[in-house]
Amino acid sequence: MSADSVLVIDELVVPNKGAHEHATQFDLTVLSGLSSIERTNKQWDSLLESAGFKILQKKTYAPTSESVIVVVPKA
């Protein structure tokens, strides 16, 4: 990735509190079927920070927590 790259992530971002029923049901489905989880807002922040990215924008576009996260490499 070059210094002027932009990464756009379209993913379910589960709120830290008050998640929509759809998001929690999908999280349980992913857990039981794939032994995985949907990440919370806090977990996304931590993951992207540790991977060396700076978050430019985080926009939830559906009431069920589907979101777009726009990040760039840290300088």
PDB file of N, CA and C in Angstrom:
ATOM      1  N   MET A   1       0.843  -1.172   0.000  1.00  0.00           N
ATOM      2  CA  MET A   1       0.000   0.000   0.000  1.00  0.00           C
ATOM      3  C   MET A   1       0.887   1.233   0.000  1.00  0.00           C
ATOM      4  N   SER A   2       0.603   2.162  -0.868  1.00  0.00           N
ATOM      5  CA  SER A   2       1.411   3.382  -0.904  1.00  0.00           C
ATOM      6  C   SER A   2       0.884   4.402   0.099  1.00  0.00           C
ATOM      7  N   ALA A   3       1.662   5.423   0.345  1.00  0.00           N
ATOM      8  CA  ALA A   3       1.317   6.443   1.342  1.00  0.00           C
ATOM      9  C   ALA A   3       0.046   7.212   0.985  1.00  0.00           C
ATOM     10  N   ASP A   4      -0.282   7.282  -0.320  1.00  0.00           N
ATOM     11  CA  ASP A   4      -1.486   8.027  -0.718  1.00  0.00           C
ATOM     12  C   ASP A   4      -2.684   7.116  -0.989  1.00  0.00           C
ATOM     13  N   SER A   5      -2.593   5.856  -0.578  1.00  0.00           N
ATOM     14  CA  SER A   5      -3.697   4.905  -0.750  1.00  0.00           C
ATOM     15  C   SER A   5      -4.844   5.200   0.207  1.00  0.00           C
ATOM     16  N   VAL A   6      -6.042   4.829  -0.222  1.00  0.00           N
ATOM     17  CA  VAL A   6      -7.234   4.931   0.612  1.00  0.00           C
ATOM     18  C   VAL A   6      -7.907   3.561   0.596  1.00  0.00           C
ATOM     19  N   LEU A   7      -8.245   3.049   1.772  1.00  0.00           N
ATOM     20  CA  LEU A   7      -8.912   1.765   1.898  1.00  0.00           C
ATOM     21  C   LEU A   7     -10.350   2.014   2.361  1.00  0.00           C
ATOM     22  N   VAL A   8     -11.313   1.468   1.620  1.00  0.00           N
ATOM     23  CA  VAL A   8     -12.727   1.605   1.974  1.00  0.00           C
ATOM     24  C   VAL A   8     -13.234   0.232   2.402  1.00  0.00           C
ATOM     25  N   ILE A   9     -13.741   0.146   3.616  1.00  0.00           N
ATOM     26  CA  ILE A   9     -14.236  -1.107   4.184  1.00  0.00           C
ATOM     27  C   ILE A   9     -15.749  -0.993   4.334  1.00  0.00           C
ATOM     28  N   ASP A  10     -16.485  -1.929   3.735  1.00  0.00           N
ATOM     29  CA  ASP A  10     -17.942  -1.972   3.862  1.00  0.00           C
ATOM     30  C   ASP A  10     -18.264  -3.185   4.721  1.00  0.00           C
ATOM     31  N   GLU A  11     -18.664  -2.946   5.955  1.00  0.00           N
ATOM     32  CA  GLU A  11     -18.769  -4.041   6.916  1.00  0.00           C
ATOM     33  C   GLU A  11     -19.807  -3.709   7.985  1.00  0.00           C
ATOM     34  N   LEU A  12     -20.290  -4.741   8.644  1.00  0.00           N
ATOM     35  CA  LEU A  12     -21.172  -4.567   9.793  1.00  0.00           C
ATOM     36  C   LEU A  12     -20.324  -4.108  10.974  1.00  0.00           C
ATOM     37  N   VAL A  13     -20.673  -2.984  11.568  1.00  0.00           N
ATOM     38  CA  VAL A  13     -19.965  -2.464  12.738  1.00  0.00           C
ATOM     39  C   VAL A  13     -20.976  -2.430  13.887  1.00  0.00           C
ATOM     40  N   VAL A  14     -20.852  -3.381  14.787  1.00  0.00           N
ATOM     41  CA  VAL A  14     -21.804  -3.502  15.888  1.00  0.00           C
ATOM     42  C   VAL A  14     -21.544  -2.385  16.901  1.00  0.00           C
ATOM     43  N   PRO A  15     -22.572  -1.607  17.247  1.00  0.00           N
ATOM     44  CA  PRO A  15     -22.380  -0.566  18.253  1.00  0.00           C
ATOM     45  C   PRO A  15     -21.941  -1.176  19.592  1.00  0.00           C
ATOM     46  N   ASN A  16     -21.200  -0.402  20.371  1.00  0.00           N
ATOM     47  CA  ASN A  16     -20.747  -0.885  21.679  1.00  0.00           C
ATOM     48  C   ASN A  16     -21.918  -1.118  22.624  1.00  0.00           C
ATOM     49  N   LYS A  17     -22.993  -0.350  22.460  1.00  0.00           N
ATOM     50  CA  LYS A  17     -24.227  -0.499  23.254  1.00  0.00           C
ATOM     51  C   LYS A  17     -25.427  -0.284  22.350  1.00  0.00           C
ATOM     52  N   GLY A  18     -26.506  -0.968  22.648  1.00  0.00           N
ATOM     53  CA  GLY A  18     -27.769  -0.740  21.937  1.00  0.00           C
ATOM     54  C   GLY A  18     -27.779  -1.228  20.497  1.00  0.00           C
ATOM     55  N   ALA A  19     -27.169  -2.370  20.237  1.00  0.00           N
ATOM     56  CA  ALA A  19     -27.110  -2.897  18.869  1.00  0.00           C
ATOM     57  C   ALA A  19     -28.491  -3.331  18.382  1.00  0.00           C
ATOM     58  N   HIS A  20     -28.716  -3.170  17.086  1.00  0.00           N
ATOM     59  CA  HIS A  20     -29.960  -3.600  16.449  1.00  0.00           C
ATOM     60  C   HIS A  20     -30.053  -5.126  16.513  1.00  0.00           C
ATOM     61  N   GLU A  21     -31.259  -5.626  16.609  1.00  0.00           N
ATOM     62  CA  GLU A  21     -31.505  -7.070  16.706  1.00  0.00           C
ATOM     63  C   GLU A  21     -30.852  -7.836  15.554  1.00  0.00           C
ATOM     64  N   HIS A  22     -30.913  -7.278  14.358  1.00  0.00           N
ATOM     65  CA  HIS A  22     -30.315  -7.934  13.190  1.00  0.00           C
ATOM     66  C   HIS A  22     -28.809  -8.129  13.382  1.00  0.00           C
ATOM     67  N   ALA A  23     -28.142  -7.117  13.892  1.00  0.00           N
ATOM     68  CA  ALA A  23     -26.686  -7.195  14.084  1.00  0.00           C
ATOM     69  C   ALA A  23     -26.322  -8.274  15.099  1.00  0.00           C
ATOM     70  N   THR A  24     -27.080  -8.363  16.177  1.00  0.00           N
ATOM     71  CA  THR A  24     -26.767  -9.360  17.205  1.00  0.00           C
ATOM     72  C   THR A  24     -27.104 -10.775  16.718  1.00  0.00           C
ATOM     73  N   GLN A  25     -28.183 -10.924  15.956  1.00  0.00           N
ATOM     74  CA  GLN A  25     -28.520 -12.239  15.397  1.00  0.00           C
ATOM     75  C   GLN A  25     -27.456 -12.692  14.404  1.00  0.00           C
ATOM     76  N   PHE A  26     -26.990 -11.771  13.569  1.00  0.00           N
ATOM     77  CA  PHE A  26     -25.966 -12.114  12.599  1.00  0.00           C
ATOM     78  C   PHE A  26     -24.664 -12.462  13.306  1.00  0.00           C
ATOM     79  N   ASP A  27     -24.353 -11.750  14.376  1.00  0.00           N
ATOM     80  CA  ASP A  27     -23.153 -12.036  15.156  1.00  0.00           C
ATOM     81  C   ASP A  27     -23.204 -13.461  15.704  1.00  0.00           C
ATOM     82  N   LEU A  28     -24.343 -13.879  16.218  1.00  0.00           N
ATOM     83  CA  LEU A  28     -24.484 -15.246  16.726  1.00  0.00           C
ATOM     84  C   LEU A  28     -24.394 -16.281  15.609  1.00  0.00           C
ATOM     85  N   THR A  29     -24.924 -15.961  14.438  1.00  0.00           N
ATOM     86  CA  THR A  29     -24.840 -16.863  13.291  1.00  0.00           C
ATOM     87  C   THR A  29     -23.389 -17.060  12.864  1.00  0.00           C
ATOM     88  N   VAL A  30     -22.648 -15.961  12.788  1.00  0.00           N
ATOM     89  CA  VAL A  30     -21.229 -16.029  12.417  1.00  0.00           C
ATOM     90  C   VAL A  30     -20.447 -16.796  13.485  1.00  0.00           C
ATOM     91  N   LEU A  31     -20.782 -16.580  14.749  1.00  0.00           N
ATOM     92  CA  LEU A  31     -20.112 -17.270  15.846  1.00  0.00           C
ATOM     93  C   LEU A  31     -20.341 -18.780  15.761  1.00  0.00           C
ATOM     94  N   SER A  32     -21.585 -19.180  15.578  1.00  0.00           N
ATOM     95  CA  SER A  32     -21.886 -20.617  15.568  1.00  0.00           C
ATOM     96  C   SER A  32     -21.456 -21.306  14.281  1.00  0.00           C
ATOM     97  N   GLY A  33     -21.526 -20.622  13.155  1.00  0.00           N
ATOM     98  CA  GLY A  33     -21.199 -21.251  11.881  1.00  0.00           C
ATOM     99  C   GLY A  33     -19.734 -21.186  11.501  1.00  0.00           C
ATOM    100  N   LEU A  34     -19.057 -20.113  11.907  1.00  0.00           N
ATOM    101  CA  LEU A  34     -17.675 -19.899  11.468  1.00  0.00           C
ATOM    102  C   LEU A  34     -16.685 -19.734  12.612  1.00  0.00           C
ATOM    103  N   SER A  35     -17.168 -19.853  13.847  1.00  0.00           N
ATOM    104  CA  SER A  35     -16.327 -19.614  15.027  1.00  0.00           C
ATOM    105  C   SER A  35     -15.650 -18.251  14.945  1.00  0.00           C
ATOM    106  N   SER A  36     -16.434 -17.261  14.554  1.00  0.00           N
ATOM    107  CA  SER A  36     -15.931 -15.904  14.386  1.00  0.00           C
ATOM    108  C   SER A  36     -16.909 -14.930  15.040  1.00  0.00           C
ATOM    109  N   ILE A  37     -16.621 -13.653  14.969  1.00  0.00           N
ATOM    110  CA  ILE A  37     -17.526 -12.642  15.515  1.00  0.00           C
ATOM    111  C   ILE A  37     -17.589 -11.431  14.594  1.00  0.00           C
ATOM    112  N   GLU A  38     -18.631 -10.656  14.731  1.00  0.00           N
ATOM    113  CA  GLU A  38     -18.699  -9.343  14.109  1.00  0.00           C
ATOM    114  C   GLU A  38     -18.034  -8.368  15.073  1.00  0.00           C
ATOM    115  N   ARG A  39     -17.262  -7.457  14.562  1.00  0.00           N
ATOM    116  CA  ARG A  39     -16.528  -6.526  15.416  1.00  0.00           C
ATOM    117  C   ARG A  39     -17.397  -5.356  15.855  1.00  0.00           C
ATOM    118  N   THR A  40     -17.144  -4.920  17.086  1.00  0.00           N
ATOM    119  CA  THR A  40     -17.808  -3.717  17.594  1.00  0.00           C
ATOM    120  C   THR A  40     -17.050  -2.487  17.099  1.00  0.00           C
ATOM    121  N   ASN A  41     -17.651  -1.350  17.297  1.00  0.00           N
ATOM    122  CA  ASN A  41     -17.031  -0.082  16.937  1.00  0.00           C
ATOM    123  C   ASN A  41     -15.646   0.038  17.579  1.00  0.00           C
ATOM    124  N   LYS A  42     -15.567  -0.278  18.863  1.00  0.00           N
ATOM    125  CA  LYS A  42     -14.304  -0.214  19.595  1.00  0.00           C
ATOM    126  C   LYS A  42     -13.268  -1.185  19.035  1.00  0.00           C
ATOM    127  N   GLN A  43     -13.709  -2.385  18.670  1.00  0.00           N
ATOM    128  CA  GLN A  43     -12.799  -3.390  18.120  1.00  0.00           C
ATOM    129  C   GLN A  43     -12.250  -2.963  16.755  1.00  0.00           C
ATOM    130  N   TRP A  44     -13.094  -2.350  15.921  1.00  0.00           N
ATOM    131  CA  TRP A  44     -12.626  -1.834  14.636  1.00  0.00           C
ATOM    132  C   TRP A  44     -11.565  -0.763  14.849  1.00  0.00           C
ATOM    133  N   ASP A  45     -11.827   0.161  15.774  1.00  0.00           N
ATOM    134  CA  ASP A  45     -10.857   1.224  16.062  1.00  0.00           C
ATOM    135  C   ASP A  45      -9.515   0.633  16.471  1.00  0.00           C
ATOM    136  N   SER A  46      -9.543  -0.331  17.370  1.00  0.00           N
ATOM    137  CA  SER A  46      -8.325  -0.966  17.865  1.00  0.00           C
ATOM    138  C   SER A  46      -7.593  -1.721  16.751  1.00  0.00           C
ATOM    139  N   LEU A  47      -8.321  -2.487  15.952  1.00  0.00           N
ATOM    140  CA  LEU A  47      -7.723  -3.256  14.865  1.00  0.00           C
ATOM    141  C   LEU A  47      -7.046  -2.345  13.850  1.00  0.00           C
ATOM    142  N   LEU A  48      -7.751  -1.326  13.413  1.00  0.00           N
ATOM    143  CA  LEU A  48      -7.205  -0.436  12.394  1.00  0.00           C
ATOM    144  C   LEU A  48      -6.012   0.358  12.922  1.00  0.00           C
ATOM    145  N   GLU A  49      -6.087   0.781  14.169  1.00  0.00           N
ATOM    146  CA  GLU A  49      -4.976   1.487  14.807  1.00  0.00           C
ATOM    147  C   GLU A  49      -3.746   0.585  14.862  1.00  0.00           C
ATOM    148  N   SER A  50      -3.922  -0.654  15.309  1.00  0.00           N
ATOM    149  CA  SER A  50      -2.786  -1.572  15.438  1.00  0.00           C
ATOM    150  C   SER A  50      -2.218  -1.985  14.075  1.00  0.00           C
ATOM    151  N   ALA A  51      -3.027  -1.900  13.021  1.00  0.00           N
ATOM    152  CA  ALA A  51      -2.567  -2.242  11.674  1.00  0.00           C
ATOM    153  C   ALA A  51      -1.917  -1.046  10.977  1.00  0.00           C
ATOM    154  N   GLY A  52      -1.875   0.105  11.666  1.00  0.00           N
ATOM    155  CA  GLY A  52      -1.193   1.270  11.115  1.00  0.00           C
ATOM    156  C   GLY A  52      -2.048   2.157  10.229  1.00  0.00           C
ATOM    157  N   PHE A  53      -3.358   2.166  10.489  1.00  0.00           N
ATOM    158  CA  PHE A  53      -4.257   3.008   9.707  1.00  0.00           C
ATOM    159  C   PHE A  53      -4.839   4.143  10.541  1.00  0.00           C
ATOM    160  N   LYS A  54      -5.175   5.221   9.862  1.00  0.00           N
ATOM    161  CA  LYS A  54      -5.876   6.351  10.470  1.00  0.00           C
ATOM    162  C   LYS A  54      -7.287   6.370   9.879  1.00  0.00           C
ATOM    163  N   ILE A  55      -8.282   6.441  10.731  1.00  0.00           N
ATOM    164  CA  ILE A  55      -9.674   6.459  10.270  1.00  0.00           C
ATOM    165  C   ILE A  55     -10.033   7.877   9.852  1.00  0.00           C
ATOM    166  N   LEU A  56     -10.442   8.017   8.589  1.00  0.00           N
ATOM    167  CA  LEU A  56     -10.886   9.316   8.089  1.00  0.00           C
ATOM    168  C   LEU A  56     -12.379   9.505   8.290  1.00  0.00           C
ATOM    169  N   GLN A  57     -13.127   8.431   8.096  1.00  0.00           N
ATOM    170  CA  GLN A  57     -14.585   8.531   8.195  1.00  0.00           C
ATOM    171  C   GLN A  57     -15.161   7.164   8.535  1.00  0.00           C
ATOM    172  N   LYS A  58     -16.192   7.193   9.357  1.00  0.00           N
ATOM    173  CA  LYS A  58     -16.951   5.984   9.675  1.00  0.00           C
ATOM    174  C   LYS A  58     -18.422   6.381   9.567  1.00  0.00           C
ATOM    175  N   LYS A  59     -19.131   5.764   8.633  1.00  0.00           N
ATOM    176  CA  LYS A  59     -20.515   6.149   8.364  1.00  0.00           C
ATOM    177  C   LYS A  59     -21.406   4.921   8.359  1.00  0.00           C
ATOM    178  N   THR A  60     -22.383   4.907   9.254  1.00  0.00           N
ATOM    179  CA  THR A  60     -23.384   3.841   9.261  1.00  0.00           C
ATOM    180  C   THR A  60     -24.490   4.251   8.305  1.00  0.00           C
ATOM    181  N   TYR A  61     -24.787   3.387   7.327  1.00  0.00           N
ATOM    182  CA  TYR A  61     -25.764   3.749   6.304  1.00  0.00           C
ATOM    183  C   TYR A  61     -27.067   2.956   6.401  1.00  0.00           C
ATOM    184  N   ALA A  62     -27.192   2.111   7.414  1.00  0.00           N
ATOM    185  CA  ALA A  62     -28.433   1.354   7.597  1.00  0.00           C
ATOM    186  C   ALA A  62     -28.692   1.199   9.093  1.00  0.00           C
ATOM    187  N   PRO A  63     -29.954   1.135   9.492  1.00  0.00           N
ATOM    188  CA  PRO A  63     -30.257   1.006  10.927  1.00  0.00           C
ATOM    189  C   PRO A  63     -29.752  -0.300  11.539  1.00  0.00           C
ATOM    190  N   THR A  64     -29.396  -1.249  10.689  1.00  0.00           N
ATOM    191  CA  THR A  64     -28.911  -2.546  11.179  1.00  0.00           C
ATOM    192  C   THR A  64     -27.394  -2.594  11.316  1.00  0.00           C
ATOM    193  N   SER A  65     -26.724  -1.463  11.272  1.00  0.00           N
ATOM    194  CA  SER A  65     -25.289  -1.281  11.544  1.00  0.00           C
ATOM    195  C   SER A  65     -24.355  -1.508  10.364  1.00  0.00           C
ATOM    196  N   GLU A  66     -24.892  -1.691   9.151  1.00  0.00           N
ATOM    197  CA  GLU A  66     -23.993  -1.760   8.005  1.00  0.00           C
ATOM    198  C   GLU A  66     -23.297  -0.409   7.886  1.00  0.00           C
ATOM    199  N   SER A  67     -21.980  -0.440   7.677  1.00  0.00           N
ATOM    200  CA  SER A  67     -21.195   0.782   7.730  1.00  0.00           C
ATOM    201  C   SER A  67     -20.084   0.783   6.696  1.00  0.00           C
ATOM    202  N   VAL A  68     -19.598   1.988   6.427  1.00  0.00           N
ATOM    203  CA  VAL A  68     -18.422   2.185   5.584  1.00  0.00           C
ATOM    204  C   VAL A  68     -17.372   2.856   6.447  1.00  0.00           C
ATOM    205  N   ILE A  69     -16.157   2.304   6.409  1.00  0.00           N
ATOM    206  CA  ILE A  69     -15.034   2.881   7.124  1.00  0.00           C
ATOM    207  C   ILE A  69     -13.980   3.245   6.093  1.00  0.00           C
ATOM    208  N   VAL A  70     -13.550   4.507   6.098  1.00  0.00           N
ATOM    209  CA  VAL A  70     -12.536   4.984   5.158  1.00  0.00           C
ATOM    210  C   VAL A  70     -11.259   5.234   5.966  1.00  0.00           C
ATOM    211  N   VAL A  71     -10.165   4.555   5.555  1.00  0.00           N
ATOM    212  CA  VAL A  71      -8.905   4.684   6.284  1.00  0.00           C
ATOM    213  C   VAL A  71      -7.757   4.948   5.319  1.00  0.00           C
ATOM    214  N   VAL A  72      -6.683   5.522   5.879  1.00  0.00           N
ATOM    215  CA  VAL A  72      -5.452   5.748   5.133  1.00  0.00           C
ATOM    216  C   VAL A  72      -4.291   5.269   6.011  1.00  0.00           C
ATOM    217  N   PRO A  73      -3.157   4.934   5.368  1.00  0.00           N
ATOM    218  CA  PRO A  73      -1.992   4.558   6.177  1.00  0.00           C
ATOM    219  C   PRO A  73      -1.527   5.760   7.006  1.00  0.00           C
ATOM    220  N   LYS A  74      -1.080   5.478   8.220  1.00  0.00           N
ATOM    221  CA  LYS A  74      -0.528   6.549   9.058  1.00  0.00           C
ATOM    222  C   LYS A  74       0.786   7.015   8.461  1.00  0.00           C
ATOM    223  N   ALA A  75       1.025   8.292   8.589  1.00  0.00           N
ATOM    224  CA  ALA A  75       2.277   8.866   8.061  1.00  0.00           C
ATOM    225  C   ALA A  75       3.445   8.545   8.961  1.00  0.00           C
TER     226      ALA A  75
END
